Structure formats: C-alpha cells, structure tokens
C-alpha cells in the first residue's frame, strides 16, 4: 500500500540510532521481519530508503529503527533524525517474504541494524507462547533495554562484537518447527551462514534479509 504516515514518537535507542514510531494507516497489515519504504522530498530532491519493521505488531502503530549516518545517509538520514511527533512521511509496503510466520522456535542472527527485526520477531514469538533466541553482533549495541527484557522473559540473548560461531551453535537446536532468520549487511550474512553451517543448521531453509 501507499500512504502518508504520521510520527507518534521518536526516541534514541543506541549510539546514532533512533526508533521512529508511526501511526498505522487503515488496512496496513505486516509481520515482524517485513520492511517498508520511507520517502521524502528534501530541497526539491526525492529520497527513499527501505527499513525493516522493529515492532512486534502493527495493530495501532509500527516502528522502524534507523541508524543515523550523515556522511553515508546524507540529507535523508538527517531528515529522519529530526522527525518528531506529528511529522509526516510517505510510506509504501510492506515488502518481503522472509518474516515471522508463527514458528514454534525462532533463532534470529542479527548484525548491526538487524537488531530491529531481531527484537521484533523475538518479542512476537514470546507473545505467541513460543521460544526465541537472538545472537546480535555489534560493537555499539542498540535496543539494549528490549534485549534485556527479552532475556528476562526467558529468551536466549547473546550480544557480542566478536566471533559468533559458538553462540550460533548453542542457539540452533534443530528442534522441530525451529526457524532461523538472518538480518544484516552482506559481510555479516556470510559470517552468520558460515556459523550456521558449522552448527549443522538448515542453511537452505534460513530466512535471510541482506541489507547490501
């Protein structure tokens, strides 16, 4: 769908990282792990970028987590960083098929901005009465409060800036109904899939979103 969405909240959730919450437009239906395209015209030039949902549901609002990088992101990154309650942005979506579908156990391997869909999927799985594990690699972690809450709710959570091989081996059980997700930039995706293969996991059946 195409819609203009209104910001309901924008809060820092880590170093140069902000979670932006929007009012869900009528008829908007999406699952954690899917993504939307946000776009805006800045000084007469159009900009657009895709962001994966970081909210476990979209019933009233939906959230995306944005890494703010003025050098790489340019004017659009600065535009998003300045958004506040009541501001409007053009949105289209949702997109993507590699998302949560009610699996009985989710294992989410996340690098950098992949933490957004990681917390969303894990929270949704726990809310549905299922099991969740998150392995998150980042030297400057975001969403630490939500990760702590997940761990307190009996999710398995590992946050590291080092090798993830052992953590992946412990998280992947091979249990019936287990689904592995991988979210991150290309280098992390390669690392995660190598670790998953070393652990004897189902690489072909893994749901992967490569951020490029």
C-alpha atoms as a PDB file:
ATOM      1  CA  UNK A   1       0.000   0.000   0.000  1.00  0.00           C
ATOM      2  CA  UNK A   2       0.987   3.646  -0.418  1.00  0.00           C
ATOM      3  CA  UNK A   3       0.164   6.066   2.387  1.00  0.00           C
ATOM      4  CA  UNK A   4       1.255   9.157   4.260  1.00  0.00           C
ATOM      5  CA  UNK A   5       2.062   8.170   7.830  1.00  0.00           C
ATOM      6  CA  UNK A   6       2.315  10.325  10.942  1.00  0.00           C
ATOM      7  CA  UNK A   7       5.061  10.078  13.538  1.00  0.00           C
ATOM      8  CA  UNK A   8       3.756   9.284  17.024  1.00  0.00           C
ATOM      9  CA  UNK A   9       7.151   9.043  18.763  1.00  0.00           C
ATOM     10  CA  UNK A  10      10.880   9.152  18.032  1.00  0.00           C
ATOM     11  CA  UNK A  11      13.399   8.047  20.648  1.00  0.00           C
ATOM     12  CA  UNK A  12      17.132   7.298  20.726  1.00  0.00           C
ATOM     13  CA  UNK A  13      17.800   3.594  21.306  1.00  0.00           C
ATOM     14  CA  UNK A  14      21.577   3.475  20.921  1.00  0.00           C
ATOM     15  CA  UNK A  15      24.574   5.361  19.529  1.00  0.00           C
ATOM     16  CA  UNK A  16      23.384   7.303  16.446  1.00  0.00           C
ATOM     17  CA  UNK A  17      20.266   5.136  16.378  1.00  0.00           C
ATOM     18  CA  UNK A  18      16.639   6.203  16.701  1.00  0.00           C
ATOM     19  CA  UNK A  19      13.398   4.218  16.830  1.00  0.00           C
ATOM     20  CA  UNK A  20      10.630   6.019  14.948  1.00  0.00           C
ATOM     21  CA  UNK A  21       7.029   5.019  15.607  1.00  0.00           C
ATOM     22  CA  UNK A  22       4.279   5.805  13.103  1.00  0.00           C
ATOM     23  CA  UNK A  23       0.511   5.565  13.265  1.00  0.00           C
ATOM     24  CA  UNK A  24      -0.560   2.537  11.212  1.00  0.00           C
ATOM     25  CA  UNK A  25      -2.727   3.583   8.268  1.00  0.00           C
ATOM     26  CA  UNK A  26      -6.089   1.901   7.856  1.00  0.00           C
ATOM     27  CA  UNK A  27      -5.709  -1.526   6.254  1.00  0.00           C
ATOM     28  CA  UNK A  28      -1.968  -1.782   6.938  1.00  0.00           C
ATOM     29  CA  UNK A  29      -1.022  -5.373   7.731  1.00  0.00           C
ATOM     30  CA  UNK A  30       2.550  -6.571   8.213  1.00  0.00           C
ATOM     31  CA  UNK A  31       4.575  -9.133  10.126  1.00  0.00           C
ATOM     32  CA  UNK A  32       7.840  -8.592  12.028  1.00  0.00           C
ATOM     33  CA  UNK A  33      10.692  -9.080   9.599  1.00  0.00           C
ATOM     34  CA  UNK A  34       8.973  -7.345   6.696  1.00  0.00           C
ATOM     35  CA  UNK A  35      10.074  -3.887   5.588  1.00  0.00           C
ATOM     36  CA  UNK A  36       8.631  -0.620   4.328  1.00  0.00           C
ATOM     37  CA  UNK A  37       9.921   2.151   2.081  1.00  0.00           C
ATOM     38  CA  UNK A  38      10.020   5.658   3.530  1.00  0.00           C
ATOM     39  CA  UNK A  39      10.422   8.601   1.179  1.00  0.00           C
ATOM     40  CA  UNK A  40      10.501  12.383   1.271  1.00  0.00           C
ATOM     41  CA  UNK A  41      11.405  15.389  -0.857  1.00  0.00           C
ATOM     42  CA  UNK A  42      14.227  17.465   0.606  1.00  0.00           C
ATOM     43  CA  UNK A  43      15.245  20.757  -1.009  1.00  0.00           C
ATOM     44  CA  UNK A  44      13.489  19.694  -4.193  1.00  0.00           C
ATOM     45  CA  UNK A  45      15.178  16.287  -4.439  1.00  0.00           C
ATOM     46  CA  UNK A  46      13.447  12.981  -3.769  1.00  0.00           C
ATOM     47  CA  UNK A  47      14.910  10.411  -1.378  1.00  0.00           C
ATOM     48  CA  UNK A  48      13.761   6.917  -0.421  1.00  0.00           C
ATOM     49  CA  UNK A  49      15.110   4.070   1.678  1.00  0.00           C
ATOM     50  CA  UNK A  50      13.898   0.711   2.971  1.00  0.00           C
ATOM     51  CA  UNK A  51      13.604  -0.043   6.696  1.00  0.00           C
ATOM     52  CA  UNK A  52      12.710  -3.319   8.364  1.00  0.00           C
ATOM     53  CA  UNK A  53       9.967  -3.223  10.978  1.00  0.00           C
ATOM     54  CA  UNK A  54      11.189  -3.299  14.575  1.00  0.00           C
ATOM     55  CA  UNK A  55       7.763  -3.596  16.198  1.00  0.00           C
ATOM     56  CA  UNK A  56       6.247  -6.997  17.040  1.00  0.00           C
ATOM     57  CA  UNK A  57       2.880  -5.971  15.581  1.00  0.00           C
ATOM     58  CA  UNK A  58       1.310  -3.123  13.609  1.00  0.00           C
ATOM     59  CA  UNK A  59      -2.179  -3.082  15.093  1.00  0.00           C
ATOM     60  CA  UNK A  60      -2.113   0.602  16.108  1.00  0.00           C
ATOM     61  CA  UNK A  61       1.412   1.759  15.316  1.00  0.00           C
ATOM     62  CA  UNK A  62       4.502   0.405  13.616  1.00  0.00           C
ATOM     63  CA  UNK A  63       8.151   1.129  14.296  1.00  0.00           C
ATOM     64  CA  UNK A  64      11.372   1.222  12.319  1.00  0.00           C
ATOM     65  CA  UNK A  65      14.863   1.552  13.745  1.00  0.00           C
ATOM     66  CA  UNK A  66      17.113   3.960  11.879  1.00  0.00           C
ATOM     67  CA  UNK A  67      20.882   4.252  12.060  1.00  0.00           C
ATOM     68  CA  UNK A  68      21.766   7.908  11.603  1.00  0.00           C
ATOM     69  CA  UNK A  69      24.849   8.460   9.435  1.00  0.00           C
ATOM     70  CA  UNK A  70      25.039  11.957   7.999  1.00  0.00           C
ATOM     71  CA  UNK A  71      28.020  11.098   5.777  1.00  0.00           C
ATOM     72  CA  UNK A  72      26.641   7.924   4.172  1.00  0.00           C
ATOM     73  CA  UNK A  73      22.947   8.678   4.621  1.00  0.00           C
ATOM     74  CA  UNK A  74      23.165  12.294   3.533  1.00  0.00           C
ATOM     75  CA  UNK A  75      20.189  14.656   3.750  1.00  0.00           C
ATOM     76  CA  UNK A  76      17.652  11.839   4.168  1.00  0.00           C
ATOM     77  CA  UNK A  77      19.436  10.473   7.219  1.00  0.00           C
ATOM     78  CA  UNK A  78      19.450  13.943   8.765  1.00  0.00           C
ATOM     79  CA  UNK A  79      15.775  14.360   7.846  1.00  0.00           C
ATOM     80  CA  UNK A  80      14.819  11.178   9.667  1.00  0.00           C
ATOM     81  CA  UNK A  81      16.917  12.114  12.682  1.00  0.00           C
ATOM     82  CA  UNK A  82      14.943  15.349  13.026  1.00  0.00           C
ATOM     83  CA  UNK A  83      11.485  13.757  12.838  1.00  0.00           C
ATOM     84  CA  UNK A  84       9.181  14.313  15.795  1.00  0.00           C
ATOM     85  CA  UNK A  85       5.611  13.694  16.854  1.00  0.00           C
ATOM     86  CA  UNK A  86       3.144  14.910  14.241  1.00  0.00           C
ATOM     87  CA  UNK A  87       5.565  14.934  11.296  1.00  0.00           C
ATOM     88  CA  UNK A  88       4.512  13.067   8.159  1.00  0.00           C
ATOM     89  CA  UNK A  89       6.406  10.805   5.754  1.00  0.00           C
ATOM     90  CA  UNK A  90       5.402   8.906   2.634  1.00  0.00           C
ATOM     91  CA  UNK A  91       5.380   5.140   3.132  1.00  0.00           C
ATOM     92  CA  UNK A  92       4.853   2.143   0.866  1.00  0.00           C
ATOM     93  CA  UNK A  93       4.785  -1.544   1.696  1.00  0.00           C
ATOM     94  CA  UNK A  94       5.063  -3.896   3.394  1.00  0.00           C
ATOM     95  CA  UNK A  95       7.577  -5.885   1.379  1.00  0.00           C
ATOM     96  CA  UNK A  96       9.480  -9.108   1.934  1.00  0.00           C
ATOM     97  CA  UNK A  97       8.688 -12.779   2.429  1.00  0.00           C
ATOM     98  CA  UNK A  98      11.420 -13.648   4.961  1.00  0.00           C
ATOM     99  CA  UNK A  99       9.414 -12.805   8.050  1.00  0.00           C
ATOM    100  CA  UNK A 100       7.900 -14.381  11.149  1.00  0.00           C
ATOM    101  CA  UNK A 101       5.063 -16.816  10.427  1.00  0.00           C
ATOM    102  CA  UNK A 102       4.212 -18.224  13.838  1.00  0.00           C
ATOM    103  CA  UNK A 103       7.117 -20.651  14.078  1.00  0.00           C
ATOM    104  CA  UNK A 104       7.369 -22.518  17.392  1.00  0.00           C
ATOM    105  CA  UNK A 105      11.010 -21.500  17.927  1.00  0.00           C
ATOM    106  CA  UNK A 106      12.783 -18.561  16.321  1.00  0.00           C
ATOM    107  CA  UNK A 107      16.547 -18.040  16.196  1.00  0.00           C
ATOM    108  CA  UNK A 108      17.488 -14.586  14.929  1.00  0.00           C
ATOM    109  CA  UNK A 109      21.077 -13.834  13.923  1.00  0.00           C
ATOM    110  CA  UNK A 110      21.467 -10.072  13.633  1.00  0.00           C
ATOM    111  CA  UNK A 111      24.311  -7.781  12.678  1.00  0.00           C
ATOM    112  CA  UNK A 112      24.207  -4.005  13.142  1.00  0.00           C
ATOM    113  CA  UNK A 113      20.802  -2.693  12.024  1.00  0.00           C
ATOM    114  CA  UNK A 114      19.470  -6.246  12.015  1.00  0.00           C
ATOM    115  CA  UNK A 115      18.716  -5.762  15.707  1.00  0.00           C
ATOM    116  CA  UNK A 116      15.428  -4.075  14.743  1.00  0.00           C
ATOM    117  CA  UNK A 117      13.782  -7.128  13.211  1.00  0.00           C
ATOM    118  CA  UNK A 118      15.555  -9.333  15.777  1.00  0.00           C
ATOM    119  CA  UNK A 119      13.812  -7.785  18.768  1.00  0.00           C
ATOM    120  CA  UNK A 120      10.515  -7.576  16.885  1.00  0.00           C
ATOM    121  CA  UNK A 121      10.485 -11.244  15.912  1.00  0.00           C
ATOM    122  CA  UNK A 122      11.632 -12.426  19.329  1.00  0.00           C
ATOM    123  CA  UNK A 123       9.027 -10.325  21.149  1.00  0.00           C
ATOM    124  CA  UNK A 124       6.255 -11.543  18.861  1.00  0.00           C
ATOM    125  CA  UNK A 125       7.292 -15.178  19.261  1.00  0.00           C
ATOM    126  CA  UNK A 126       7.269 -14.906  23.055  1.00  0.00           C
ATOM    127  CA  UNK A 127       3.897 -13.128  22.956  1.00  0.00           C
ATOM    128  CA  UNK A 128       2.573 -16.057  20.935  1.00  0.00           C
ATOM    129  CA  UNK A 129       3.824 -18.525  23.555  1.00  0.00           C
ATOM    130  CA  UNK A 130       6.811 -19.716  21.512  1.00  0.00           C
ATOM    131  CA  UNK A 131      10.576 -19.823  22.101  1.00  0.00           C
ATOM    132  CA  UNK A 132      13.109 -17.244  20.947  1.00  0.00           C
ATOM    133  CA  UNK A 133      16.880 -16.849  20.716  1.00  0.00           C
ATOM    134  CA  UNK A 134      18.836 -13.828  19.481  1.00  0.00           C
ATOM    135  CA  UNK A 135      22.520 -13.628  18.563  1.00  0.00           C
ATOM    136  CA  UNK A 136      23.392  -9.977  17.918  1.00  0.00           C
ATOM    137  CA  UNK A 137      26.783  -8.746  16.731  1.00  0.00           C
ATOM    138  CA  UNK A 138      27.604  -5.059  17.152  1.00  0.00           C
ATOM    139  CA  UNK A 139      30.348  -3.054  18.828  1.00  0.00           C
ATOM    140  CA  UNK A 140      27.833  -0.346  19.806  1.00  0.00           C
ATOM    141  CA  UNK A 141      24.597  -2.220  20.587  1.00  0.00           C
ATOM    142  CA  UNK A 142      21.167  -0.664  20.146  1.00  0.00           C
ATOM    143  CA  UNK A 143      17.850  -1.643  21.776  1.00  0.00           C
ATOM    144  CA  UNK A 144      19.628  -2.829  24.914  1.00  0.00           C
ATOM    145  CA  UNK A 145      16.528  -2.295  27.077  1.00  0.00           C
ATOM    146  CA  UNK A 146      14.424  -4.526  24.834  1.00  0.00           C
ATOM    147  CA  UNK A 147      17.154  -7.155  24.677  1.00  0.00           C
ATOM    148  CA  UNK A 148      17.360  -7.180  28.479  1.00  0.00           C
ATOM    149  CA  UNK A 149      13.579  -7.522  28.689  1.00  0.00           C
ATOM    150  CA  UNK A 150      13.671 -10.427  26.246  1.00  0.00           C
ATOM    151  CA  UNK A 151      16.271 -12.205  28.358  1.00  0.00           C
ATOM    152  CA  UNK A 152      14.171 -11.622  31.466  1.00  0.00           C
ATOM    153  CA  UNK A 153      11.245 -13.223  29.627  1.00  0.00           C
ATOM    154  CA  UNK A 154      13.319 -16.399  29.053  1.00  0.00           C
ATOM    155  CA  UNK A 155      14.579 -15.683  25.554  1.00  0.00           C
ATOM    156  CA  UNK A 156      18.186 -16.671  24.894  1.00  0.00           C
ATOM    157  CA  UNK A 157      20.144 -13.499  24.119  1.00  0.00           C
ATOM    158  CA  UNK A 158      23.806 -13.137  23.198  1.00  0.00           C
ATOM    159  CA  UNK A 159      25.303  -9.732  22.368  1.00  0.00           C
ATOM    160  CA  UNK A 160      28.908  -9.668  21.148  1.00  0.00           C
ATOM    161  CA  UNK A 161      31.303  -7.808  18.910  1.00  0.00           C
ATOM    162  CA  UNK A 162      33.409 -10.919  18.356  1.00  0.00           C
ATOM    163  CA  UNK A 163      33.084 -14.309  16.710  1.00  0.00           C
ATOM    164  CA  UNK A 164      29.545 -15.703  16.751  1.00  0.00           C
ATOM    165  CA  UNK A 165      30.310 -19.360  15.937  1.00  0.00           C
ATOM    166  CA  UNK A 166      29.856 -20.744  19.454  1.00  0.00           C
ATOM    167  CA  UNK A 167      26.799 -18.599  20.168  1.00  0.00           C
ATOM    168  CA  UNK A 168      25.106 -19.800  16.990  1.00  0.00           C
ATOM    169  CA  UNK A 169      25.915 -23.421  17.810  1.00  0.00           C
ATOM    170  CA  UNK A 170      24.234 -23.025  21.207  1.00  0.00           C
ATOM    171  CA  UNK A 171      21.188 -21.177  19.846  1.00  0.00           C
ATOM    172  CA  UNK A 172      20.435 -23.590  16.997  1.00  0.00           C
ATOM    173  CA  UNK A 173      18.873 -26.748  18.425  1.00  0.00           C
ATOM    174  CA  UNK A 174      17.427 -28.377  15.313  1.00  0.00           C
ATOM    175  CA  UNK A 175      14.126 -28.788  17.128  1.00  0.00           C
ATOM    176  CA  UNK A 176      11.002 -29.415  15.084  1.00  0.00           C
ATOM    177  CA  UNK A 177       9.485 -26.123  13.978  1.00  0.00           C
ATOM    178  CA  UNK A 178      12.652 -24.110  14.588  1.00  0.00           C
ATOM    179  CA  UNK A 179      13.237 -21.277  12.113  1.00  0.00           C
ATOM    180  CA  UNK A 180      16.486 -19.370  11.709  1.00  0.00           C
ATOM    181  CA  UNK A 181      16.470 -15.752  10.490  1.00  0.00           C
ATOM    182  CA  UNK A 182      19.483 -13.682   9.410  1.00  0.00           C
ATOM    183  CA  UNK A 183      19.369  -9.875   9.154  1.00  0.00           C
ATOM    184  CA  UNK A 184      22.323  -7.615   8.406  1.00  0.00           C
ATOM    185  CA  UNK A 185      24.781  -6.341   5.843  1.00  0.00           C
ATOM    186  CA  UNK A 186      26.448  -8.742   3.399  1.00  0.00           C
ATOM    187  CA  UNK A 187      29.582  -9.431   5.452  1.00  0.00           C
ATOM    188  CA  UNK A 188      27.534 -10.371   8.497  1.00  0.00           C
ATOM    189  CA  UNK A 189      25.152 -12.517   6.435  1.00  0.00           C
ATOM    190  CA  UNK A 190      28.119 -14.521   5.119  1.00  0.00           C
ATOM    191  CA  UNK A 191      29.519 -14.887   8.635  1.00  0.00           C
ATOM    192  CA  UNK A 192      26.169 -15.959  10.053  1.00  0.00           C
ATOM    193  CA  UNK A 193      25.521 -18.553   7.361  1.00  0.00           C
ATOM    194  CA  UNK A 194      29.015 -19.992   7.805  1.00  0.00           C
ATOM    195  CA  UNK A 195      28.404 -20.283  11.552  1.00  0.00           C
ATOM    196  CA  UNK A 196      25.032 -21.853  10.917  1.00  0.00           C
ATOM    197  CA  UNK A 197      26.513 -24.405   8.543  1.00  0.00           C
ATOM    198  CA  UNK A 198      29.227 -25.240  11.094  1.00  0.00           C
ATOM    199  CA  UNK A 199      26.479 -25.815  13.654  1.00  0.00           C
ATOM    200  CA  UNK A 200      24.687 -28.231  11.340  1.00  0.00           C
ATOM    201  CA  UNK A 201      21.775 -25.872  10.780  1.00  0.00           C
ATOM    202  CA  UNK A 202      19.449 -25.718   7.803  1.00  0.00           C
ATOM    203  CA  UNK A 203      21.151 -23.067   5.667  1.00  0.00           C
ATOM    204  CA  UNK A 204      18.806 -23.565   2.699  1.00  0.00           C
ATOM    205  CA  UNK A 205      15.744 -23.104   4.885  1.00  0.00           C
ATOM    206  CA  UNK A 206      17.026 -19.972   6.583  1.00  0.00           C
ATOM    207  CA  UNK A 207      15.125 -16.717   6.066  1.00  0.00           C
ATOM    208  CA  UNK A 208      17.638 -14.047   5.082  1.00  0.00           C
ATOM    209  CA  UNK A 209      17.419 -10.315   4.543  1.00  0.00           C
ATOM    210  CA  UNK A 210      20.688  -8.913   3.194  1.00  0.00           C
ATOM    211  CA  UNK A 211      20.923  -5.132   3.662  1.00  0.00           C
ATOM    212  CA  UNK A 212      23.557  -4.869   0.947  1.00  0.00           C
END
